[in-house]
Every structure is written in C-alpha cells, then in structure tokens.
N, C-alpha and C. Protein backbone atom coordinates (compact mmCIF):
# COMPACT_ATOMS: atom_id res chain seq x y z
N MET A 1 0.81 -1.14 0.01
CA MET A 1 -0.01 0.00 0.01
C MET A 1 0.88 1.23 0.00
N ILE A 2 0.60 2.13 -0.93
CA ILE A 2 1.39 3.36 -1.06
C ILE A 2 0.80 4.43 -0.16
N ASN A 3 1.65 5.07 0.60
CA ASN A 3 1.15 6.10 1.51
C ASN A 3 1.55 7.52 1.00
N CYS A 4 0.60 8.16 0.31
CA CYS A 4 0.86 9.46 -0.27
C CYS A 4 -0.45 10.22 -0.30
N PHE A 5 -0.43 11.44 -0.84
CA PHE A 5 -1.58 12.33 -0.81
C PHE A 5 -2.74 11.66 -1.65
N LEU A 6 -2.42 11.14 -2.80
CA LEU A 6 -3.43 10.45 -3.59
C LEU A 6 -4.11 9.29 -2.88
N THR A 7 -3.33 8.55 -2.12
CA THR A 7 -3.83 7.39 -1.36
C THR A 7 -4.86 7.88 -0.34
N ARG A 8 -4.48 8.90 0.41
CA ARG A 8 -5.37 9.44 1.42
C ARG A 8 -6.67 9.99 0.80
N ILE A 9 -6.60 10.55 -0.36
CA ILE A 9 -7.85 11.04 -1.01
C ILE A 9 -8.70 9.87 -1.39
N MET A 10 -8.11 8.85 -1.97
CA MET A 10 -8.90 7.64 -2.36
C MET A 10 -9.48 6.98 -1.15
N GLN A 11 -8.81 6.93 -0.02
CA GLN A 11 -9.27 6.33 1.18
C GLN A 11 -10.48 7.15 1.74
N ALA A 12 -10.34 8.45 1.79
CA ALA A 12 -11.42 9.29 2.23
C ALA A 12 -12.66 9.16 1.34
N ARG A 13 -12.45 9.08 0.08
CA ARG A 13 -13.58 8.92 -0.89
C ARG A 13 -14.27 7.58 -0.65
N ALA A 14 -13.48 6.46 -0.41
CA ALA A 14 -14.05 5.17 -0.18
C ALA A 14 -14.92 5.12 1.09
N LEU A 15 -14.43 5.84 2.13
CA LEU A 15 -15.19 5.87 3.39
C LEU A 15 -16.51 6.70 3.23
N LYS A 16 -16.43 7.76 2.44
CA LYS A 16 -17.64 8.58 2.26
C LYS A 16 -18.72 7.94 1.50
N LYS A 17 -18.33 6.90 0.64
CA LYS A 17 -19.33 6.21 -0.16
C LYS A 17 -20.14 5.20 0.70
N ILE A 18 -19.65 4.83 1.88
CA ILE A 18 -20.32 3.90 2.75
C ILE A 18 -21.36 4.63 3.56
N PRO A 19 -22.65 4.26 3.37
CA PRO A 19 -23.68 4.88 4.24
C PRO A 19 -23.44 4.46 5.74
N TYR A 20 -23.34 5.42 6.58
CA TYR A 20 -23.01 5.07 7.99
C TYR A 20 -23.89 5.84 8.91
N SER A 21 -24.88 5.16 9.46
CA SER A 21 -25.69 5.81 10.47
C SER A 21 -25.88 4.78 11.57
N HIS A 22 -25.21 4.93 12.61
CA HIS A 22 -25.22 3.94 13.67
C HIS A 22 -26.02 4.50 14.90
N HIS A 23 -27.00 3.78 15.31
CA HIS A 23 -27.78 4.11 16.50
C HIS A 23 -27.62 2.95 17.46
N GLY A 24 -26.69 3.07 18.40
CA GLY A 24 -26.31 2.00 19.27
C GLY A 24 -27.41 1.60 20.22
N LYS A 25 -27.29 0.33 20.63
CA LYS A 25 -28.16 -0.20 21.69
C LYS A 25 -27.40 -1.23 22.45
N TYR A 26 -27.48 -1.15 23.73
CA TYR A 26 -26.74 -2.06 24.61
C TYR A 26 -27.33 -3.46 24.51
N VAL A 27 -26.48 -4.46 24.20
CA VAL A 27 -26.95 -5.81 24.06
C VAL A 27 -26.18 -6.65 25.08
N PRO A 28 -26.93 -7.31 25.96
CA PRO A 28 -26.28 -8.21 26.94
C PRO A 28 -25.69 -9.41 26.23
N LEU A 29 -24.61 -9.93 26.74
CA LEU A 29 -23.98 -11.07 26.10
C LEU A 29 -24.89 -12.30 26.18
N ALA A 30 -25.76 -12.36 27.23
CA ALA A 30 -26.65 -13.45 27.30
C ALA A 30 -27.70 -13.55 26.17
N SER A 31 -28.04 -12.38 25.59
CA SER A 31 -29.02 -12.37 24.50
C SER A 31 -28.35 -12.22 23.13
N ALA A 32 -27.06 -12.09 23.03
CA ALA A 32 -26.39 -11.96 21.72
C ALA A 32 -26.38 -13.29 20.98
N ARG A 33 -26.55 -13.17 19.67
CA ARG A 33 -26.51 -14.37 18.89
C ARG A 33 -25.23 -14.37 17.99
N ARG A 34 -24.82 -13.21 17.52
CA ARG A 34 -23.60 -13.10 16.67
C ARG A 34 -22.73 -11.97 17.18
N THR A 35 -21.44 -12.30 17.33
CA THR A 35 -20.44 -11.28 17.74
C THR A 35 -19.34 -11.33 16.74
N ALA A 36 -18.64 -10.19 16.65
CA ALA A 36 -17.49 -10.08 15.76
C ALA A 36 -16.32 -9.34 16.45
N LEU A 37 -15.15 -9.64 16.06
CA LEU A 37 -13.97 -9.02 16.61
C LEU A 37 -13.07 -8.64 15.45
N VAL A 38 -12.53 -7.45 15.52
CA VAL A 38 -11.60 -6.94 14.46
C VAL A 38 -10.30 -6.65 15.13
N VAL A 39 -9.23 -7.23 14.64
CA VAL A 39 -7.87 -7.07 15.24
C VAL A 39 -6.81 -6.83 14.20
N ASN A 40 -5.74 -6.23 14.66
CA ASN A 40 -4.52 -6.06 13.86
C ASN A 40 -3.56 -7.14 14.25
N ALA A 41 -3.14 -8.05 13.43
CA ALA A 41 -2.34 -9.16 13.77
C ALA A 41 -0.95 -8.74 14.31
N SER A 42 -0.51 -7.56 13.91
CA SER A 42 0.84 -7.17 14.31
C SER A 42 0.88 -6.61 15.81
N ASP A 43 -0.24 -6.47 16.40
CA ASP A 43 -0.28 -6.05 17.80
C ASP A 43 0.24 -7.23 18.65
N PRO A 44 1.22 -6.93 19.53
CA PRO A 44 1.77 -8.04 20.39
C PRO A 44 0.74 -8.56 21.30
N GLY A 45 0.61 -9.88 21.40
CA GLY A 45 -0.27 -10.57 22.30
C GLY A 45 -1.71 -10.60 21.84
N ILE A 46 -2.00 -10.22 20.63
CA ILE A 46 -3.38 -10.12 20.17
C ILE A 46 -4.00 -11.57 19.91
N ALA A 47 -3.10 -12.49 19.54
CA ALA A 47 -3.58 -13.86 19.31
C ALA A 47 -4.20 -14.49 20.53
N ALA A 48 -3.55 -14.25 21.67
CA ALA A 48 -4.09 -14.75 22.93
C ALA A 48 -5.45 -14.12 23.27
N ALA A 49 -5.60 -12.81 22.94
CA ALA A 49 -6.85 -12.15 23.21
C ALA A 49 -7.95 -12.70 22.31
N VAL A 50 -7.61 -12.96 21.03
CA VAL A 50 -8.59 -13.62 20.10
C VAL A 50 -9.02 -14.97 20.64
N ASP A 51 -8.09 -15.73 21.14
CA ASP A 51 -8.36 -17.07 21.66
C ASP A 51 -9.31 -16.94 22.87
N ILE A 52 -9.07 -15.93 23.74
CA ILE A 52 -9.95 -15.72 24.93
C ILE A 52 -11.33 -15.43 24.43
N PHE A 53 -11.50 -14.55 23.47
CA PHE A 53 -12.81 -14.21 22.94
C PHE A 53 -13.50 -15.43 22.33
N ARG A 54 -12.77 -16.16 21.55
CA ARG A 54 -13.29 -17.36 20.83
C ARG A 54 -13.80 -18.35 21.87
N LYS A 55 -13.04 -18.65 22.85
CA LYS A 55 -13.45 -19.63 23.88
C LYS A 55 -14.64 -19.14 24.69
N GLU A 56 -14.66 -17.88 25.05
CA GLU A 56 -15.75 -17.33 25.85
C GLU A 56 -17.05 -17.28 25.08
N MET A 57 -17.01 -16.95 23.78
CA MET A 57 -18.18 -16.91 22.97
C MET A 57 -18.68 -18.34 22.73
N ALA A 58 -17.80 -19.27 22.59
CA ALA A 58 -18.22 -20.69 22.39
C ALA A 58 -18.92 -21.17 23.74
N ALA A 59 -18.37 -20.79 24.89
CA ALA A 59 -18.98 -21.18 26.15
C ALA A 59 -20.37 -20.57 26.32
N CYS A 60 -20.60 -19.40 25.80
CA CYS A 60 -21.87 -18.74 25.86
C CYS A 60 -22.87 -19.15 24.74
N GLY A 61 -22.36 -19.95 23.78
CA GLY A 61 -23.22 -20.40 22.71
C GLY A 61 -23.47 -19.26 21.68
N VAL A 62 -22.54 -18.37 21.50
CA VAL A 62 -22.67 -17.22 20.61
C VAL A 62 -21.81 -17.49 19.35
N ASP A 63 -22.40 -17.20 18.21
CA ASP A 63 -21.66 -17.36 16.92
C ASP A 63 -20.61 -16.26 16.92
N PHE A 64 -19.32 -16.67 16.70
CA PHE A 64 -18.22 -15.72 16.83
C PHE A 64 -17.51 -15.65 15.45
N ARG A 65 -17.25 -14.47 15.04
CA ARG A 65 -16.42 -14.26 13.78
C ARG A 65 -15.30 -13.26 14.15
N CYS A 66 -14.19 -13.44 13.55
CA CYS A 66 -13.08 -12.52 13.76
C CYS A 66 -12.43 -12.25 12.40
N ILE A 67 -12.10 -10.97 12.21
CA ILE A 67 -11.32 -10.61 11.01
C ILE A 67 -10.01 -10.07 11.49
N CYS A 68 -8.98 -10.67 11.01
CA CYS A 68 -7.58 -10.34 11.41
C CYS A 68 -6.87 -9.75 10.23
N VAL A 69 -6.52 -8.45 10.39
CA VAL A 69 -5.85 -7.70 9.36
C VAL A 69 -4.36 -7.83 9.61
N ASP A 70 -3.66 -8.46 8.67
CA ASP A 70 -2.21 -8.75 8.75
C ASP A 70 -1.49 -8.15 7.58
N LEU A 71 -1.09 -6.94 7.67
CA LEU A 71 -0.50 -6.23 6.50
C LEU A 71 1.05 -6.23 6.50
N GLY A 72 1.68 -6.95 7.38
CA GLY A 72 3.12 -7.06 7.41
C GLY A 72 3.66 -7.77 6.20
N LYS A 73 4.92 -7.55 5.95
CA LYS A 73 5.59 -8.20 4.79
C LYS A 73 5.56 -9.73 4.99
N GLU A 74 5.78 -10.13 6.21
CA GLU A 74 5.68 -11.56 6.57
C GLU A 74 4.46 -11.76 7.41
N PRO A 75 3.51 -12.62 7.03
CA PRO A 75 2.34 -12.84 7.84
C PRO A 75 2.72 -13.39 9.22
N VAL A 76 1.94 -13.04 10.21
CA VAL A 76 2.16 -13.48 11.58
C VAL A 76 1.85 -14.95 11.62
N ASP A 77 2.78 -15.71 12.14
CA ASP A 77 2.62 -17.18 12.19
C ASP A 77 2.16 -17.58 13.52
N ASP A 78 0.86 -17.71 13.73
CA ASP A 78 0.24 -18.11 15.01
C ASP A 78 -0.88 -19.11 14.68
N PRO A 79 -0.91 -20.24 15.44
CA PRO A 79 -1.92 -21.20 15.14
C PRO A 79 -3.34 -20.75 15.37
N VAL A 80 -3.54 -19.73 16.26
CA VAL A 80 -4.89 -19.19 16.48
C VAL A 80 -5.42 -18.64 15.21
N PHE A 81 -4.60 -17.87 14.46
CA PHE A 81 -5.05 -17.20 13.25
C PHE A 81 -5.18 -18.19 12.07
N ALA A 82 -4.35 -19.26 12.07
CA ALA A 82 -4.29 -20.15 10.97
C ALA A 82 -5.39 -21.21 10.95
N SER A 83 -5.71 -21.78 12.07
CA SER A 83 -6.57 -22.97 12.04
C SER A 83 -7.94 -22.78 12.72
N SER A 84 -8.25 -21.69 13.28
CA SER A 84 -9.51 -21.52 13.98
C SER A 84 -10.65 -21.20 13.06
N PRO A 85 -11.82 -21.91 13.20
CA PRO A 85 -12.94 -21.58 12.36
C PRO A 85 -13.53 -20.25 12.75
N GLY A 86 -14.02 -19.53 11.79
CA GLY A 86 -14.66 -18.20 12.02
C GLY A 86 -13.65 -17.07 11.97
N ILE A 87 -12.39 -17.38 11.80
CA ILE A 87 -11.39 -16.31 11.72
C ILE A 87 -10.95 -16.10 10.30
N VAL A 88 -11.13 -14.91 9.83
CA VAL A 88 -10.76 -14.56 8.41
C VAL A 88 -9.52 -13.66 8.51
N ARG A 89 -8.50 -13.98 7.70
CA ARG A 89 -7.33 -13.17 7.66
C ARG A 89 -7.29 -12.40 6.41
N ILE A 90 -6.99 -11.13 6.50
CA ILE A 90 -6.78 -10.27 5.32
C ILE A 90 -5.25 -9.95 5.29
N LEU A 91 -4.60 -10.48 4.30
CA LEU A 91 -3.17 -10.34 4.15
C LEU A 91 -2.90 -9.13 3.18
N ARG A 92 -1.66 -8.74 3.09
CA ARG A 92 -1.21 -7.67 2.20
C ARG A 92 -1.64 -7.92 0.73
N LYS A 93 -1.60 -9.17 0.33
CA LYS A 93 -1.96 -9.48 -1.06
C LYS A 93 -3.47 -9.39 -1.31
N ASP A 94 -4.28 -9.33 -0.22
CA ASP A 94 -5.73 -9.27 -0.36
C ASP A 94 -6.30 -7.87 -0.41
N ILE A 95 -5.46 -6.83 -0.42
CA ILE A 95 -5.93 -5.48 -0.51
C ILE A 95 -5.40 -4.81 -1.82
N ASN A 96 -6.07 -3.75 -2.24
CA ASN A 96 -5.58 -3.04 -3.42
C ASN A 96 -4.56 -2.00 -3.00
N TRP A 97 -4.11 -1.17 -3.93
CA TRP A 97 -3.01 -0.31 -3.67
C TRP A 97 -3.29 0.81 -2.66
N TYR A 98 -4.56 1.09 -2.40
CA TYR A 98 -4.89 2.07 -1.33
C TYR A 98 -5.52 1.47 -0.06
N GLY A 99 -5.54 0.16 0.00
CA GLY A 99 -5.94 -0.45 1.27
C GLY A 99 -7.37 -1.06 1.25
N LEU A 100 -8.09 -1.09 0.17
CA LEU A 100 -9.39 -1.65 0.12
C LEU A 100 -9.34 -3.18 0.01
N PRO A 101 -9.98 -3.91 0.89
CA PRO A 101 -9.93 -5.42 0.85
C PRO A 101 -10.75 -5.93 -0.28
N ARG A 102 -10.34 -7.13 -0.76
CA ARG A 102 -11.14 -7.75 -1.80
C ARG A 102 -12.51 -8.15 -1.29
N GLU A 103 -13.53 -8.00 -2.13
CA GLU A 103 -14.89 -8.18 -1.72
C GLU A 103 -15.18 -9.69 -1.36
N ASP A 104 -14.54 -10.63 -2.04
CA ASP A 104 -14.78 -12.00 -1.71
C ASP A 104 -14.30 -12.38 -0.29
N ILE A 105 -13.34 -11.62 0.25
CA ILE A 105 -12.86 -11.90 1.57
C ILE A 105 -13.66 -11.12 2.65
N SER A 106 -13.83 -9.81 2.38
CA SER A 106 -14.49 -9.01 3.35
C SER A 106 -16.01 -9.15 3.34
N GLY A 107 -16.58 -9.50 2.17
CA GLY A 107 -18.01 -9.59 2.07
C GLY A 107 -18.69 -10.57 3.01
N GLY A 108 -18.03 -11.73 3.26
CA GLY A 108 -18.57 -12.70 4.23
C GLY A 108 -18.63 -12.12 5.63
N PHE A 109 -17.77 -11.22 5.94
CA PHE A 109 -17.71 -10.59 7.23
C PHE A 109 -18.74 -9.48 7.41
N THR A 110 -18.91 -8.67 6.35
CA THR A 110 -19.75 -7.46 6.49
C THR A 110 -21.20 -7.66 6.00
N ASP A 111 -21.47 -8.80 5.47
CA ASP A 111 -22.84 -9.03 4.93
C ASP A 111 -23.93 -9.19 6.01
N LYS A 112 -23.65 -9.86 7.09
CA LYS A 112 -24.60 -10.11 8.11
C LYS A 112 -24.45 -9.16 9.28
N PRO A 113 -25.58 -8.74 9.90
CA PRO A 113 -25.49 -7.88 11.10
C PRO A 113 -25.04 -8.62 12.32
N TYR A 114 -24.36 -7.89 13.21
CA TYR A 114 -23.86 -8.46 14.44
C TYR A 114 -24.57 -7.80 15.63
N ASP A 115 -24.70 -8.54 16.69
CA ASP A 115 -25.25 -7.96 17.90
C ASP A 115 -24.15 -7.15 18.60
N ILE A 116 -22.93 -7.68 18.62
CA ILE A 116 -21.78 -6.99 19.26
C ILE A 116 -20.61 -7.04 18.34
N LEU A 117 -20.00 -5.87 18.10
CA LEU A 117 -18.81 -5.78 17.25
C LEU A 117 -17.72 -5.07 18.07
N THR A 118 -16.60 -5.78 18.22
CA THR A 118 -15.47 -5.24 19.04
C THR A 118 -14.29 -4.97 18.17
N ASP A 119 -13.72 -3.77 18.36
CA ASP A 119 -12.48 -3.38 17.58
C ASP A 119 -11.34 -3.35 18.61
N MET A 120 -10.43 -4.33 18.52
CA MET A 120 -9.28 -4.35 19.38
C MET A 120 -8.02 -3.91 18.72
N SER A 121 -8.06 -3.19 17.66
CA SER A 121 -6.89 -2.67 16.99
C SER A 121 -6.39 -1.51 17.75
N SER A 122 -5.09 -1.44 17.98
CA SER A 122 -4.52 -0.34 18.75
C SER A 122 -3.43 0.37 17.98
N GLY A 123 -3.01 1.46 18.48
CA GLY A 123 -1.93 2.19 17.79
C GLY A 123 -2.42 2.99 16.63
N LYS A 124 -1.58 3.15 15.59
CA LYS A 124 -1.94 3.87 14.41
C LYS A 124 -3.10 3.23 13.70
N ARG A 125 -4.09 4.05 13.27
CA ARG A 125 -5.24 3.56 12.62
C ARG A 125 -4.86 3.02 11.23
N ILE A 126 -5.46 1.88 10.88
CA ILE A 126 -5.24 1.20 9.57
C ILE A 126 -6.50 1.43 8.75
N PHE A 127 -6.37 1.91 7.55
CA PHE A 127 -7.54 2.18 6.72
C PHE A 127 -8.37 0.96 6.51
N THR A 128 -7.80 -0.19 6.27
CA THR A 128 -8.49 -1.44 6.02
C THR A 128 -9.42 -1.77 7.18
N ILE A 129 -8.98 -1.56 8.39
CA ILE A 129 -9.79 -1.85 9.55
C ILE A 129 -10.90 -0.82 9.65
N ASP A 130 -10.59 0.51 9.44
CA ASP A 130 -11.64 1.46 9.49
C ASP A 130 -12.75 1.21 8.45
N TYR A 131 -12.31 0.78 7.26
CA TYR A 131 -13.24 0.46 6.14
C TYR A 131 -14.17 -0.67 6.59
N LEU A 132 -13.61 -1.73 7.14
CA LEU A 132 -14.42 -2.85 7.57
C LEU A 132 -15.38 -2.48 8.66
N LEU A 133 -14.92 -1.68 9.63
CA LEU A 133 -15.84 -1.23 10.69
C LEU A 133 -16.94 -0.38 10.20
N ARG A 134 -16.70 0.46 9.21
CA ARG A 134 -17.71 1.27 8.67
C ARG A 134 -18.76 0.44 7.90
N ARG A 135 -18.33 -0.59 7.20
CA ARG A 135 -19.22 -1.45 6.48
C ARG A 135 -20.05 -2.39 7.29
N ALA A 136 -19.52 -2.82 8.44
CA ALA A 136 -20.15 -3.79 9.24
C ALA A 136 -21.34 -3.17 10.02
N SER A 137 -22.42 -3.93 10.12
CA SER A 137 -23.62 -3.47 10.83
C SER A 137 -23.64 -4.18 12.20
N ALA A 138 -23.80 -3.37 13.29
CA ALA A 138 -23.83 -3.92 14.61
C ALA A 138 -24.69 -3.09 15.55
N SER A 139 -25.33 -3.74 16.46
CA SER A 139 -26.15 -3.06 17.47
C SER A 139 -25.29 -2.38 18.50
N LEU A 140 -24.24 -3.03 18.93
CA LEU A 140 -23.31 -2.48 20.02
C LEU A 140 -21.94 -2.52 19.46
N ARG A 141 -21.30 -1.38 19.42
CA ARG A 141 -19.90 -1.24 18.96
C ARG A 141 -19.00 -0.93 20.17
N ILE A 142 -17.99 -1.73 20.28
CA ILE A 142 -17.01 -1.53 21.40
C ILE A 142 -15.63 -1.28 20.81
N GLY A 143 -14.93 -0.28 21.37
CA GLY A 143 -13.60 0.04 20.90
C GLY A 143 -12.65 0.12 22.07
N THR A 144 -11.36 0.07 21.76
CA THR A 144 -10.36 0.19 22.77
C THR A 144 -9.55 1.46 22.73
N GLY A 145 -9.92 2.30 21.81
CA GLY A 145 -9.24 3.59 21.65
C GLY A 145 -10.02 4.53 20.74
N PRO A 146 -9.57 5.78 20.64
CA PRO A 146 -10.29 6.70 19.81
C PRO A 146 -10.11 6.41 18.26
N ALA A 147 -11.23 6.69 17.52
CA ALA A 147 -11.15 6.54 16.11
C ALA A 147 -11.98 7.69 15.48
N ASP A 148 -11.44 8.34 14.51
CA ASP A 148 -12.14 9.46 13.92
C ASP A 148 -13.26 9.03 12.93
N THR A 149 -13.07 7.90 12.31
CA THR A 149 -14.02 7.48 11.23
C THR A 149 -15.15 6.62 11.73
N VAL A 150 -15.03 6.07 12.92
CA VAL A 150 -16.04 5.15 13.48
C VAL A 150 -16.39 5.60 14.87
N SER A 151 -17.68 5.52 15.20
CA SER A 151 -18.07 5.84 16.60
C SER A 151 -18.33 4.54 17.34
N TYR A 152 -18.03 4.56 18.59
CA TYR A 152 -18.24 3.45 19.47
C TYR A 152 -19.34 3.78 20.50
N ASP A 153 -20.05 2.77 20.90
CA ASP A 153 -21.03 2.86 21.98
C ASP A 153 -20.35 2.79 23.30
N MET A 154 -19.28 2.05 23.36
CA MET A 154 -18.51 1.88 24.63
C MET A 154 -17.07 1.76 24.28
N THR A 155 -16.23 2.45 25.06
CA THR A 155 -14.80 2.30 24.93
C THR A 155 -14.22 1.75 26.19
N VAL A 156 -13.46 0.67 26.08
CA VAL A 156 -12.87 -0.03 27.16
C VAL A 156 -11.36 0.21 27.15
N SER A 157 -10.83 0.58 28.28
CA SER A 157 -9.39 0.82 28.36
C SER A 157 -8.85 0.00 29.50
N GLY A 158 -7.56 -0.15 29.50
CA GLY A 158 -6.88 -0.95 30.52
C GLY A 158 -6.56 -0.08 31.77
N THR A 159 -5.90 -0.70 32.74
CA THR A 159 -5.55 0.02 33.92
C THR A 159 -4.41 1.00 33.82
N GLY A 160 -3.68 0.79 32.69
CA GLY A 160 -2.50 1.67 32.41
C GLY A 160 -2.04 1.48 31.00
N PRO A 161 -0.90 2.16 30.65
CA PRO A 161 -0.42 2.08 29.28
C PRO A 161 0.16 0.75 28.94
N ASP A 162 0.48 -0.04 29.98
CA ASP A 162 1.09 -1.35 29.69
C ASP A 162 0.05 -2.53 29.74
N THR A 163 -1.20 -2.20 29.58
CA THR A 163 -2.24 -3.25 29.66
C THR A 163 -2.14 -4.17 28.46
N SER A 164 -2.09 -5.44 28.76
CA SER A 164 -1.93 -6.47 27.70
C SER A 164 -3.29 -6.66 27.01
N PRO A 165 -3.26 -7.14 25.73
CA PRO A 165 -4.49 -7.41 25.02
C PRO A 165 -5.32 -8.48 25.68
N GLU A 166 -4.68 -9.44 26.38
CA GLU A 166 -5.40 -10.46 27.12
C GLU A 166 -6.25 -9.87 28.22
N GLU A 167 -5.67 -8.95 28.99
CA GLU A 167 -6.38 -8.26 30.04
C GLU A 167 -7.49 -7.43 29.54
N LEU A 168 -7.23 -6.75 28.41
CA LEU A 168 -8.26 -5.91 27.77
C LEU A 168 -9.43 -6.80 27.29
N ALA A 169 -9.16 -7.97 26.70
CA ALA A 169 -10.18 -8.84 26.25
C ALA A 169 -11.01 -9.35 27.46
N ALA A 170 -10.33 -9.70 28.53
CA ALA A 170 -11.03 -10.12 29.77
C ALA A 170 -11.92 -9.02 30.31
N ASN A 171 -11.48 -7.77 30.23
CA ASN A 171 -12.25 -6.61 30.71
C ASN A 171 -13.53 -6.45 29.87
N ILE A 172 -13.35 -6.55 28.53
CA ILE A 172 -14.49 -6.38 27.62
C ILE A 172 -15.50 -7.44 27.90
N ILE A 173 -15.08 -8.65 28.04
CA ILE A 173 -16.06 -9.76 28.27
C ILE A 173 -16.73 -9.57 29.62
N ASN A 174 -15.97 -9.13 30.61
CA ASN A 174 -16.55 -8.88 31.94
C ASN A 174 -17.60 -7.77 31.82
N TYR A 175 -17.34 -6.67 31.11
CA TYR A 175 -18.37 -5.65 30.92
C TYR A 175 -19.57 -6.18 30.21
N LEU A 176 -19.37 -6.98 29.19
CA LEU A 176 -20.52 -7.51 28.44
C LEU A 176 -21.39 -8.40 29.29
N LYS A 177 -20.79 -9.10 30.28
CA LYS A 177 -21.54 -10.00 31.14
C LYS A 177 -22.30 -9.17 32.24
N THR A 178 -21.88 -7.94 32.47
CA THR A 178 -22.60 -7.16 33.48
C THR A 178 -23.74 -6.34 32.90
N ILE A 179 -23.83 -6.25 31.59
CA ILE A 179 -24.95 -5.52 30.96
C ILE A 179 -26.17 -6.36 31.00
N HIS A 180 -27.32 -5.83 31.53
CA HIS A 180 -28.52 -6.61 31.62
C HIS A 180 -29.64 -5.84 30.91
C-alpha cells in the first residue's frame, strides 16, 4: 500500500461512499447471537486475546467471527489465526493499492449484522480496519481507543499504558456480562 496524498484522497472517498448511520443499543452477552472481533495481527499478544474471545463466545453459545488484518511483509505465524474456524485473515496480497480489501474476503464478514462488534486494533489507525468497521452493521460497537471515522457505543481501556490485550479482552467480556 502506497502512503501518499493520492492514497489518502482515495481512502477518504471510499469511506464517504459507505452509508453510515449507527444508532447503538446495549446488548447483553446473554441475548447476543452473533459477535465479531476486528484485530490487527501485528499487535503483540493479540492472538491470545482472540483465543480468549473465541473460547468465551463458544462457552456462551454465541456465533463468533473474527477478522484479522495482517498487513506485514511476513504474515504473523500463529496457530490461532491459521486454524481456527470463524477467523478470516486479510493479508497484504488481499488489498488493493490504497488499502481496500477484496470483496470475496470482506463480504462474508460485513454481509450479516452483528449484535456486538469489538475493535481491538490499537496504535496507528489502519484504513482497512476502518473500512471494515464502517461497512459492518452492529447493534453494540465496542472500541479500545479513539477513532475518527467510526463511533463506538462503549470504549474499554486498561488500567494503564502497559495493559496487555489479554487483560483488555477479559475486561471487555466482563463488561458484556454485566450489561442486563
């Protein structure tokens, strides 16, 4: 992906084309049927957080989907991302020159509405993640940090700047269990 003025114009245009009107509603985990998680594979410790979410949603009987954006030159080699059902990986080869993912990969993720959508990407915003979040339909949107292009109904943060993704995932699940 080329990072220049033209790229940013194309990205802004792609985001403006997506109709986005989100009216959030708090959904308890006990009544959720479908949940989704969006992560950046290059975040340290994120694979363990995905595994925590996957196991917790399976224990609650909730359909779980995860989209893992892995734009590094070498894909992250983790068995959680490679072999788990319901986890879709978007690699560098799966996006166009300005970061738009292929429809055959992202379409399966964004076609169906979710009860709960969680964004656990941290650090610098990635256009591909912002694009997927704008296209996805969800009743409750949870984020872990500020984002200009997407609004969240709830933002969960850690106890400090050194909070691990595993602890953050446990906090999010704990909050979801307390909503009635």
